[in-house]
Amino acid sequence: MRVYDVDLFDTPSSTIAALHAQGKKVICYFSGGSYENWRPDASDFAASDIGKELDGWEGENWVRLSGASVRNVMKKRIKMAADKGCDAIDPDNVDGFVSGT
């Protein structure tokens, strides 16, 4: 069985449905531990929850995972993945403790 890991925001539901029709599984990627200033939900983060920049990733910052706004954004992203028909999620950048943040 083939599995595709696609960007949650950039992949339309129709693409996920087409992959399912071919017997494929779809994992939807999103950043679970960082703020990305180009995402449509970027304004949903509280300024106090945005931390230092990710090394080498312009426009991306670590977030304070305990922040209420961060948790609300992540809940919405998980719901978006479910609504789009994703079989699983791939929350990235949840290893800030390893990166010395």
PDB file of N, CA and C in Angstrom:
ATOM      1  N   MET A   1       0.835  -1.175   0.000  1.00  0.00           N
ATOM      2  CA  MET A   1       0.000   0.000   0.000  1.00  0.00           C
ATOM      3  C   MET A   1       0.884   1.244   0.000  1.00  0.00           C
ATOM      4  N   ARG A   2       0.534   2.205  -0.789  1.00  0.00           N
ATOM      5  CA  ARG A   2       1.264   3.466  -0.862  1.00  0.00           C
ATOM      6  C   ARG A   2       0.655   4.475   0.106  1.00  0.00           C
ATOM      7  N   VAL A   3       1.535   5.251   0.708  1.00  0.00           N
ATOM      8  CA  VAL A   3       1.116   6.302   1.625  1.00  0.00           C
ATOM      9  C   VAL A   3       1.698   7.617   1.119  1.00  0.00           C
ATOM     10  N   TYR A   4       0.873   8.649   1.106  1.00  0.00           N
ATOM     11  CA  TYR A   4       1.309   9.974   0.696  1.00  0.00           C
ATOM     12  C   TYR A   4       1.265  10.906   1.895  1.00  0.00           C
ATOM     13  N   ASP A   5       2.320  11.687   2.081  1.00  0.00           N
ATOM     14  CA  ASP A   5       2.404  12.687   3.136  1.00  0.00           C
ATOM     15  C   ASP A   5       2.306  14.039   2.435  1.00  0.00           C
ATOM     16  N   VAL A   6       1.177  14.720   2.621  1.00  0.00           N
ATOM     17  CA  VAL A   6       0.908  15.950   1.883  1.00  0.00           C
ATOM     18  C   VAL A   6       0.739  17.125   2.842  1.00  0.00           C
ATOM     19  N   ASP A   7       0.926  18.327   2.341  1.00  0.00           N
ATOM     20  CA  ASP A   7       0.750  19.529   3.142  1.00  0.00           C
ATOM     21  C   ASP A   7      -0.745  19.759   3.385  1.00  0.00           C
ATOM     22  N   LEU A   8      -1.120  19.905   4.647  1.00  0.00           N
ATOM     23  CA  LEU A   8      -2.517  20.093   5.015  1.00  0.00           C
ATOM     24  C   LEU A   8      -3.137  21.298   4.326  1.00  0.00           C
ATOM     25  N   PHE A   9      -2.420  22.400   4.270  1.00  0.00           N
ATOM     26  CA  PHE A   9      -2.979  23.631   3.723  1.00  0.00           C
ATOM     27  C   PHE A   9      -2.962  23.664   2.201  1.00  0.00           C
ATOM     28  N   ASP A  10      -1.944  23.097   1.595  1.00  0.00           N
ATOM     29  CA  ASP A  10      -1.769  23.208   0.149  1.00  0.00           C
ATOM     30  C   ASP A  10      -2.471  22.111  -0.652  1.00  0.00           C
ATOM     31  N   THR A  11      -2.999  21.113   0.027  1.00  0.00           N
ATOM     32  CA  THR A  11      -3.612  19.981  -0.666  1.00  0.00           C
ATOM     33  C   THR A  11      -5.130  20.040  -0.526  1.00  0.00           C
ATOM     34  N   PRO A  12      -5.835  20.173  -1.646  1.00  0.00           N
ATOM     35  CA  PRO A  12      -7.297  20.231  -1.562  1.00  0.00           C
ATOM     36  C   PRO A  12      -7.909  18.873  -1.227  1.00  0.00           C
ATOM     37  N   SER A  13      -9.113  18.912  -0.681  1.00  0.00           N
ATOM     38  CA  SER A  13      -9.848  17.687  -0.354  1.00  0.00           C
ATOM     39  C   SER A  13     -10.006  16.788  -1.574  1.00  0.00           C
ATOM     40  N   SER A  14     -10.165  17.403  -2.738  1.00  0.00           N
ATOM     41  CA  SER A  14     -10.350  16.618  -3.966  1.00  0.00           C
ATOM     42  C   SER A  14      -9.131  15.753  -4.272  1.00  0.00           C
ATOM     43  N   THR A  15      -7.943  16.257  -3.985  1.00  0.00           N
ATOM     44  CA  THR A  15      -6.717  15.467  -4.197  1.00  0.00           C
ATOM     45  C   THR A  15      -6.675  14.290  -3.229  1.00  0.00           C
ATOM     46  N   ILE A  16      -7.054  14.544  -1.989  1.00  0.00           N
ATOM     47  CA  ILE A  16      -7.082  13.465  -0.986  1.00  0.00           C
ATOM     48  C   ILE A  16      -8.108  12.413  -1.388  1.00  0.00           C
ATOM     49  N   ALA A  17      -9.270  12.842  -1.847  1.00  0.00           N
ATOM     50  CA  ALA A  17     -10.300  11.907  -2.294  1.00  0.00           C
ATOM     51  C   ALA A  17      -9.822  11.086  -3.491  1.00  0.00           C
ATOM     52  N   ALA A  18      -9.115  11.732  -4.411  1.00  0.00           N
ATOM     53  CA  ALA A  18      -8.592  11.020  -5.585  1.00  0.00           C
ATOM     54  C   ALA A  18      -7.565   9.970  -5.174  1.00  0.00           C
ATOM     55  N   LEU A  19      -6.722  10.303  -4.214  1.00  0.00           N
ATOM     56  CA  LEU A  19      -5.745   9.325  -3.715  1.00  0.00           C
ATOM     57  C   LEU A  19      -6.445   8.163  -3.030  1.00  0.00           C
ATOM     58  N   HIS A  20      -7.470   8.463  -2.252  1.00  0.00           N
ATOM     59  CA  HIS A  20      -8.246   7.390  -1.614  1.00  0.00           C
ATOM     60  C   HIS A  20      -8.890   6.485  -2.655  1.00  0.00           C
ATOM     61  N   ALA A  21      -9.396   7.072  -3.729  1.00  0.00           N
ATOM     62  CA  ALA A  21     -10.029   6.295  -4.796  1.00  0.00           C
ATOM     63  C   ALA A  21      -9.053   5.321  -5.445  1.00  0.00           C
ATOM     64  N   GLN A  22      -7.757   5.643  -5.356  1.00  0.00           N
ATOM     65  CA  GLN A  22      -6.714   4.767  -5.898  1.00  0.00           C
ATOM     66  C   GLN A  22      -6.192   3.784  -4.845  1.00  0.00           C
ATOM     67  N   GLY A  23      -6.835   3.772  -3.678  1.00  0.00           N
ATOM     68  CA  GLY A  23      -6.426   2.848  -2.621  1.00  0.00           C
ATOM     69  C   GLY A  23      -5.244   3.336  -1.796  1.00  0.00           C
ATOM     70  N   LYS A  24      -4.934   4.611  -1.884  1.00  0.00           N
ATOM     71  CA  LYS A  24      -3.791   5.175  -1.158  1.00  0.00           C
ATOM     72  C   LYS A  24      -4.243   5.704   0.202  1.00  0.00           C
ATOM     73  N   LYS A  25      -3.325   5.743   1.143  1.00  0.00           N
ATOM     74  CA  LYS A  25      -3.532   6.384   2.442  1.00  0.00           C
ATOM     75  C   LYS A  25      -2.885   7.759   2.386  1.00  0.00           C
ATOM     76  N   VAL A  26      -3.467   8.706   3.114  1.00  0.00           N
ATOM     77  CA  VAL A  26      -2.976  10.085   3.068  1.00  0.00           C
ATOM     78  C   VAL A  26      -2.709  10.586   4.485  1.00  0.00           C
ATOM     79  N   ILE A  27      -1.479  11.020   4.692  1.00  0.00           N
ATOM     80  CA  ILE A  27      -1.072  11.654   5.942  1.00  0.00           C
ATOM     81  C   ILE A  27      -0.950  13.148   5.648  1.00  0.00           C
ATOM     82  N   CYS A  28      -1.515  13.973   6.517  1.00  0.00           N
ATOM     83  CA  CYS A  28      -1.464  15.416   6.297  1.00  0.00           C
ATOM     84  C   CYS A  28      -0.465  16.068   7.247  1.00  0.00           C
ATOM     85  N   TYR A  29       0.500  16.729   6.657  1.00  0.00           N
ATOM     86  CA  TYR A  29       1.562  17.428   7.371  1.00  0.00           C
ATOM     87  C   TYR A  29       1.114  18.819   7.782  1.00  0.00           C
ATOM     88  N   PHE A  30       1.460  19.208   8.994  1.00  0.00           N
ATOM     89  CA  PHE A  30       1.380  20.604   9.415  1.00  0.00           C
ATOM     90  C   PHE A  30       2.396  20.810  10.520  1.00  0.00           C
ATOM     91  N   SER A  31       2.770  22.040  10.748  1.00  0.00           N
ATOM     92  CA  SER A  31       3.708  22.318  11.821  1.00  0.00           C
ATOM     93  C   SER A  31       2.939  22.379  13.132  1.00  0.00           C
ATOM     94  N   GLY A  32       3.287  21.491  14.041  1.00  0.00           N
ATOM     95  CA  GLY A  32       2.634  21.444  15.344  1.00  0.00           C
ATOM     96  C   GLY A  32       3.374  22.219  16.409  1.00  0.00           C
ATOM     97  N   GLY A  33       4.582  22.656  16.117  1.00  0.00           N
ATOM     98  CA  GLY A  33       5.380  23.339  17.124  1.00  0.00           C
ATOM     99  C   GLY A  33       5.992  24.644  16.673  1.00  0.00           C
ATOM    100  N   SER A  34       5.552  25.115  15.511  1.00  0.00           N
ATOM    101  CA  SER A  34       6.101  26.387  15.050  1.00  0.00           C
ATOM    102  C   SER A  34       5.036  27.235  14.383  1.00  0.00           C
ATOM    103  N   TYR A  35       5.296  28.522  14.385  1.00  0.00           N
ATOM    104  CA  TYR A  35       4.476  29.534  13.731  1.00  0.00           C
ATOM    105  C   TYR A  35       5.093  29.775  12.362  1.00  0.00           C
ATOM    106  N   GLU A  36       4.290  29.753  11.323  1.00  0.00           N
ATOM    107  CA  GLU A  36       4.749  30.020   9.964  1.00  0.00           C
ATOM    108  C   GLU A  36       3.967  31.236   9.464  1.00  0.00           C
ATOM    109  N   ASN A  37       4.670  32.320   9.197  1.00  0.00           N
ATOM    110  CA  ASN A  37       3.977  33.577   8.909  1.00  0.00           C
ATOM    111  C   ASN A  37       3.189  33.577   7.600  1.00  0.00           C
ATOM    112  N   TRP A  38       3.334  32.577   6.769  1.00  0.00           N
ATOM    113  CA  TRP A  38       2.629  32.522   5.489  1.00  0.00           C
ATOM    114  C   TRP A  38       1.351  31.685   5.555  1.00  0.00           C
ATOM    115  N   ARG A  39       1.097  31.029   6.669  1.00  0.00           N
ATOM    116  CA  ARG A  39      -0.096  30.185   6.773  1.00  0.00           C
ATOM    117  C   ARG A  39      -1.348  31.032   6.976  1.00  0.00           C
ATOM    118  N   PRO A  40      -2.489  30.579   6.471  1.00  0.00           N
ATOM    119  CA  PRO A  40      -3.712  31.381   6.594  1.00  0.00           C
ATOM    120  C   PRO A  40      -4.179  31.586   8.034  1.00  0.00           C
ATOM    121  N   ASP A  41      -3.730  30.752   8.954  1.00  0.00           N
ATOM    122  CA  ASP A  41      -4.135  30.911  10.358  1.00  0.00           C
ATOM    123  C   ASP A  41      -3.065  31.589  11.210  1.00  0.00           C
ATOM    124  N   ALA A  42      -2.073  32.199  10.579  1.00  0.00           N
ATOM    125  CA  ALA A  42      -0.967  32.825  11.321  1.00  0.00           C
ATOM    126  C   ALA A  42      -1.461  33.890  12.294  1.00  0.00           C
ATOM    127  N   SER A  43      -2.508  34.614  11.937  1.00  0.00           N
ATOM    128  CA  SER A  43      -3.008  35.673  12.818  1.00  0.00           C
ATOM    129  C   SER A  43      -3.737  35.133  14.047  1.00  0.00           C
ATOM    130  N   ASP A  44      -3.978  33.826  14.089  1.00  0.00           N
ATOM    131  CA  ASP A  44      -4.649  33.212  15.244  1.00  0.00           C
ATOM    132  C   ASP A  44      -3.700  32.986  16.421  1.00  0.00           C
ATOM    133  N   PHE A  45      -2.402  33.117  16.200  1.00  0.00           N
ATOM    134  CA  PHE A  45      -1.421  32.955  17.274  1.00  0.00           C
ATOM    135  C   PHE A  45      -1.302  34.251  18.068  1.00  0.00           C
ATOM    136  N   ALA A  46      -1.190  34.132  19.373  1.00  0.00           N
ATOM    137  CA  ALA A  46      -0.920  35.303  20.218  1.00  0.00           C
ATOM    138  C   ALA A  46       0.564  35.639  20.095  1.00  0.00           C
ATOM    139  N   ALA A  47       0.867  36.924  20.066  1.00  0.00           N
ATOM    140  CA  ALA A  47       2.264  37.351  19.956  1.00  0.00           C
ATOM    141  C   ALA A  47       3.112  36.770  21.084  1.00  0.00           C
ATOM    142  N   SER A  48       2.517  36.625  22.266  1.00  0.00           N
ATOM    143  CA  SER A  48       3.255  36.098  23.423  1.00  0.00           C
ATOM    144  C   SER A  48       3.609  34.617  23.288  1.00  0.00           C
ATOM    145  N   ASP A  49       2.989  33.932  22.341  1.00  0.00           N
ATOM    146  CA  ASP A  49       3.277  32.506  22.137  1.00  0.00           C
ATOM    147  C   ASP A  49       4.316  32.251  21.057  1.00  0.00           C
ATOM    148  N   ILE A  50       4.771  33.289  20.394  1.00  0.00           N
ATOM    149  CA  ILE A  50       5.745  33.142  19.307  1.00  0.00           C
ATOM    150  C   ILE A  50       7.143  33.369  19.863  1.00  0.00           C
ATOM    151  N   GLY A  51       8.001  32.364  19.668  1.00  0.00           N
ATOM    152  CA  GLY A  51       9.353  32.415  20.206  1.00  0.00           C
ATOM    153  C   GLY A  51      10.402  32.706  19.157  1.00  0.00           C
ATOM    154  N   LYS A  52      11.584  32.176  19.398  1.00  0.00           N
ATOM    155  CA  LYS A  52      12.714  32.479  18.517  1.00  0.00           C
ATOM    156  C   LYS A  52      12.593  31.783  17.169  1.00  0.00           C
ATOM    157  N   GLU A  53      13.299  32.331  16.195  1.00  0.00           N
ATOM    158  CA  GLU A  53      13.262  31.808  14.831  1.00  0.00           C
ATOM    159  C   GLU A  53      13.859  30.413  14.755  1.00  0.00           C
ATOM    160  N   LEU A  54      13.325  29.622  13.843  1.00  0.00           N
ATOM    161  CA  LEU A  54      13.929  28.331  13.539  1.00  0.00           C
ATOM    162  C   LEU A  54      15.142  28.599  12.673  1.00  0.00           C
ATOM    163  N   ASP A  55      16.239  28.019  13.025  1.00  0.00           N
ATOM    164  CA  ASP A  55      17.477  28.195  12.279  1.00  0.00           C
ATOM    165  C   ASP A  55      17.298  27.733  10.832  1.00  0.00           C
ATOM    166  N   GLY A  56      17.513  28.645   9.896  1.00  0.00           N
ATOM    167  CA  GLY A  56      17.468  28.295   8.488  1.00  0.00           C
ATOM    168  C   GLY A  56      16.087  28.320   7.858  1.00  0.00           C
ATOM    169  N   TRP A  57      15.068  28.740   8.590  1.00  0.00           N
ATOM    170  CA  TRP A  57      13.704  28.749   8.064  1.00  0.00           C
ATOM    171  C   TRP A  57      13.101  30.145   8.247  1.00  0.00           C
ATOM    172  N   GLU A  58      13.274  30.992   7.266  1.00  0.00           N
ATOM    173  CA  GLU A  58      12.785  32.365   7.335  1.00  0.00           C
ATOM    174  C   GLU A  58      11.261  32.387   7.493  1.00  0.00           C
ATOM    175  N   GLY A  59      10.782  33.222   8.416  1.00  0.00           N
ATOM    176  CA  GLY A  59       9.349  33.358   8.636  1.00  0.00           C
ATOM    177  C   GLY A  59       8.751  32.306   9.544  1.00  0.00           C
ATOM    178  N   GLU A  60       9.611  31.471  10.141  1.00  0.00           N
ATOM    179  CA  GLU A  60       9.126  30.397  11.008  1.00  0.00           C
ATOM    180  C   GLU A  60       9.758  30.527  12.393  1.00  0.00           C
ATOM    181  N   ASN A  61       8.915  30.455  13.412  1.00  0.00           N
ATOM    182  CA  ASN A  61       9.357  30.603  14.797  1.00  0.00           C
ATOM    183  C   ASN A  61       8.789  29.481  15.654  1.00  0.00           C
ATOM    184  N   TRP A  62       9.548  29.115  16.669  1.00  0.00           N
ATOM    185  CA  TRP A  62       9.044  28.162  17.659  1.00  0.00           C
ATOM    186  C   TRP A  62       7.871  28.799  18.393  1.00  0.00           C
ATOM    187  N   VAL A  63       6.967  27.970  18.897  1.00  0.00           N
ATOM    188  CA  VAL A  63       5.846  28.487  19.683  1.00  0.00           C
ATOM    189  C   VAL A  63       5.854  27.857  21.070  1.00  0.00           C
ATOM    190  N   ARG A  64       5.205  28.552  21.983  1.00  0.00           N
ATOM    191  CA  ARG A  64       5.044  28.071  23.351  1.00  0.00           C
ATOM    192  C   ARG A  64       3.852  27.114  23.345  1.00  0.00           C
ATOM    193  N   LEU A  65       4.125  25.833  23.409  1.00  0.00           N
ATOM    194  CA  LEU A  65       3.081  24.824  23.255  1.00  0.00           C
ATOM    195  C   LEU A  65       1.993  24.908  24.316  1.00  0.00           C
ATOM    196  N   SER A  66       2.325  25.479  25.467  1.00  0.00           N
ATOM    197  CA  SER A  66       1.325  25.587  26.529  1.00  0.00           C
ATOM    198  C   SER A  66       0.387  26.775  26.326  1.00  0.00           C
ATOM    199  N   GLY A  67       0.652  27.600  25.334  1.00  0.00           N
ATOM    200  CA  GLY A  67      -0.173  28.776  25.081  1.00  0.00           C
ATOM    201  C   GLY A  67      -1.557  28.401  24.574  1.00  0.00           C
ATOM    202  N   ALA A  68      -2.573  29.080  25.089  1.00  0.00           N
ATOM    203  CA  ALA A  68      -3.958  28.798  24.695  1.00  0.00           C
ATOM    204  C   ALA A  68      -4.175  28.992  23.199  1.00  0.00           C
ATOM    205  N   SER A  69      -3.578  30.033  22.631  1.00  0.00           N
ATOM    206  CA  SER A  69      -3.777  30.274  21.197  1.00  0.00           C
ATOM    207  C   SER A  69      -3.156  29.147  20.373  1.00  0.00           C
ATOM    208  N   VAL A  70      -2.009  28.661  20.816  1.00  0.00           N
ATOM    209  CA  VAL A  70      -1.336  27.569  20.089  1.00  0.00           C
ATOM    210  C   VAL A  70      -2.207  26.316  20.120  1.00  0.00           C
ATOM    211  N   ARG A  71      -2.735  26.001  21.264  1.00  0.00           N
ATOM    212  CA  ARG A  71      -3.591  24.815  21.385  1.00  0.00           C
ATOM    213  C   ARG A  71      -4.843  24.948  20.522  1.00  0.00           C
ATOM    214  N   ASN A  72      -5.423  26.139  20.478  1.00  0.00           N
ATOM    215  CA  ASN A  72      -6.611  26.353  19.646  1.00  0.00           C
ATOM    216  C   ASN A  72      -6.290  26.213  18.164  1.00  0.00           C
ATOM    217  N   VAL A  73      -5.152  26.754  17.746  1.00  0.00           N
ATOM    218  CA  VAL A  73      -4.731  26.618  16.344  1.00  0.00           C
ATOM    219  C   VAL A  73      -4.548  25.137  16.004  1.00  0.00           C
ATOM    220  N   MET A  74      -3.899  24.394  16.874  1.00  0.00           N
ATOM    221  CA  MET A  74      -3.647  22.980  16.600  1.00  0.00           C
ATOM    222  C   MET A  74      -4.949  22.172  16.566  1.00  0.00           C
ATOM    223  N   LYS A  75      -5.892  22.498  17.434  1.00  0.00           N
ATOM    224  CA  LYS A  75      -7.196  21.826  17.399  1.00  0.00           C
ATOM    225  C   LYS A  75      -7.874  22.063  16.056  1.00  0.00           C
ATOM    226  N   LYS A  76      -7.816  23.304  15.574  1.00  0.00           N
ATOM    227  CA  LYS A  76      -8.423  23.638  14.283  1.00  0.00           C
ATOM    228  C   LYS A  76      -7.722  22.906  13.141  1.00  0.00           C
ATOM    229  N   ARG A  77      -6.406  22.796  13.226  1.00  0.00           N
ATOM    230  CA  ARG A  77      -5.662  22.090  12.177  1.00  0.00           C
ATOM    231  C   ARG A  77      -6.015  20.607  12.159  1.00  0.00           C
ATOM    232  N   ILE A  78      -6.139  20.017  13.325  1.00  0.00           N
ATOM    233  CA  ILE A  78      -6.513  18.601  13.386  1.00  0.00           C
ATOM    234  C   ILE A  78      -7.921  18.397  12.829  1.00  0.00           C
ATOM    235  N   LYS A  79      -8.832  19.299  13.163  1.00  0.00           N
ATOM    236  CA  LYS A  79     -10.192  19.215  12.620  1.00  0.00           C
ATOM    237  C   LYS A  79     -10.171  19.391  11.105  1.00  0.00           C
ATOM    238  N   MET A  80      -9.362  20.323  10.603  1.00  0.00           N
ATOM    239  CA  MET A  80      -9.240  20.524   9.162  1.00  0.00           C
ATOM    240  C   MET A  80      -8.774  19.239   8.489  1.00  0.00           C
ATOM    241  N   ALA A  81      -7.803  18.571   9.103  1.00  0.00           N
ATOM    242  CA  ALA A  81      -7.305  17.306   8.543  1.00  0.00           C
ATOM    243  C   ALA A  81      -8.418  16.260   8.490  1.00  0.00           C
ATOM    244  N   ALA A  82      -9.191  16.169   9.552  1.00  0.00           N
ATOM    245  CA  ALA A  82     -10.300  15.218   9.576  1.00  0.00           C
ATOM    246  C   ALA A  82     -11.343  15.579   8.522  1.00  0.00           C
ATOM    247  N   ASP A  83     -11.676  16.851   8.430  1.00  0.00           N
ATOM    248  CA  ASP A  83     -12.674  17.301   7.457  1.00  0.00           C
ATOM    249  C   ASP A  83     -12.228  17.066   6.025  1.00  0.00           C
ATOM    250  N   LYS A  84     -10.930  17.153   5.764  1.00  0.00           N
ATOM    251  CA  LYS A  84     -10.407  16.920   4.420  1.00  0.00           C
ATOM    252  C   LYS A  84     -10.298  15.434   4.095  1.00  0.00           C
ATOM    253  N   GLY A  85     -10.414  14.579   5.118  1.00  0.00           N
ATOM    254  CA  GLY A  85     -10.352  13.140   4.885  1.00  0.00           C
ATOM    255  C   GLY A  85      -8.983  12.522   5.083  1.00  0.00           C
ATOM    256  N   CYS A  86      -8.081  13.223   5.747  1.00  0.00           N
ATOM    257  CA  CYS A  86      -6.749  12.674   6.007  1.00  0.00           C
ATOM    258  C   CYS A  86      -6.872  11.418   6.872  1.00  0.00           C
ATOM    259  N   ASP A  87      -6.064  10.428   6.569  1.00  0.00           N
ATOM    260  CA  ASP A  87      -6.063   9.187   7.350  1.00  0.00           C
ATOM    261  C   ASP A  87      -5.269   9.332   8.640  1.00  0.00           C
ATOM    262  N   ALA A  88      -4.333  10.253   8.644  1.00  0.00           N
ATOM    263  CA  ALA A  88      -3.478  10.496   9.815  1.00  0.00           C
ATOM    264  C   ALA A  88      -2.908  11.907   9.684  1.00  0.00           C
ATOM    265  N   ILE A  89      -2.273  12.360  10.756  1.00  0.00           N
ATOM    266  CA  ILE A  89      -1.614  13.670  10.720  1.00  0.00           C
ATOM    267  C   ILE A  89      -0.130  13.495  10.996  1.00  0.00           C
ATOM    268  N   ASP A  90       0.640  14.463  10.520  1.00  0.00           N
ATOM    269  CA  ASP A  90       2.091  14.484  10.697  1.00  0.00           C
ATOM    270  C   ASP A  90       2.475  15.849  11.264  1.00  0.00           C
ATOM    271  N   PRO A  91       2.284  16.035  12.584  1.00  0.00           N
ATOM    272  CA  PRO A  91       2.657  17.325  13.175  1.00  0.00           C
ATOM    273  C   PRO A  91       4.172  17.420  13.312  1.00  0.00           C
ATOM    274  N   ASP A  92       4.755  18.375  12.627  1.00  0.00           N
ATOM    275  CA  ASP A  92       6.211  18.548  12.596  1.00  0.00           C
ATOM    276  C   ASP A  92       6.640  19.600  13.619  1.00  0.00           C
ATOM    277  N   ASN A  93       7.920  19.665  13.853  1.00  0.00           N
ATOM    278  CA  ASN A  93       8.533  20.669  14.734  1.00  0.00           C
ATOM    279  C   ASN A  93       8.018  20.606  16.168  1.00  0.00           C
ATOM    280  N   VAL A  94       7.859  19.412  16.657  1.00  0.00           N
ATOM    281  CA  VAL A  94       7.437  19.231  18.050  1.00  0.00           C
ATOM    282  C   VAL A  94       8.628  18.837  18.934  1.00  0.00           C
ATOM    283  N   ASP A  95       9.820  19.089  18.412  1.00  0.00           N
ATOM    284  CA  ASP A  95      11.041  18.697  19.105  1.00  0.00           C
ATOM    285  C   ASP A  95      11.897  19.900  19.479  1.00  0.00           C
ATOM    286  N   GLY A  96      11.254  20.996  19.856  1.00  0.00           N
ATOM    287  CA  GLY A  96      11.988  22.213  20.217  1.00  0.00           C
ATOM    288  C   GLY A  96      12.969  21.995  21.350  1.00  0.00           C
ATOM    289  N   PHE A  97      12.640  21.071  22.245  1.00  0.00           N
ATOM    290  CA  PHE A  97      13.533  20.786  23.370  1.00  0.00           C
ATOM    291  C   PHE A  97      14.877  20.236  22.892  1.00  0.00           C
ATOM    292  N   VAL A  98      14.891  19.558  21.752  1.00  0.00           N
ATOM    293  CA  VAL A  98      16.130  19.022  21.190  1.00  0.00           C
ATOM    294  C   VAL A  98      16.932  20.139  20.535  1.00  0.00           C
ATOM    295  N   SER A  99      16.228  21.126  20.017  1.00  0.00           N
ATOM    296  CA  SER A  99      16.871  22.213  19.288  1.00  0.00           C
ATOM    297  C   SER A  99      17.360  23.336  20.182  1.00  0.00           C
ATOM    298  N   GLY A 100      17.205  23.178  21.452  1.00  0.00           N
ATOM    299  CA  GLY A 100      17.706  24.172  22.390  1.00  0.00           C
ATOM    300  C   GLY A 100      16.850  25.410  22.514  1.00  0.00           C
ATOM    301  N   THR A 101      15.555  25.265  22.212  1.00  0.00           N
ATOM    302  CA  THR A 101      14.653  26.422  22.317  1.00  0.00           C
ATOM    303  C   THR A 101      14.170  26.589  23.734  1.00  0.00           C
TER     304      THR A 101
END
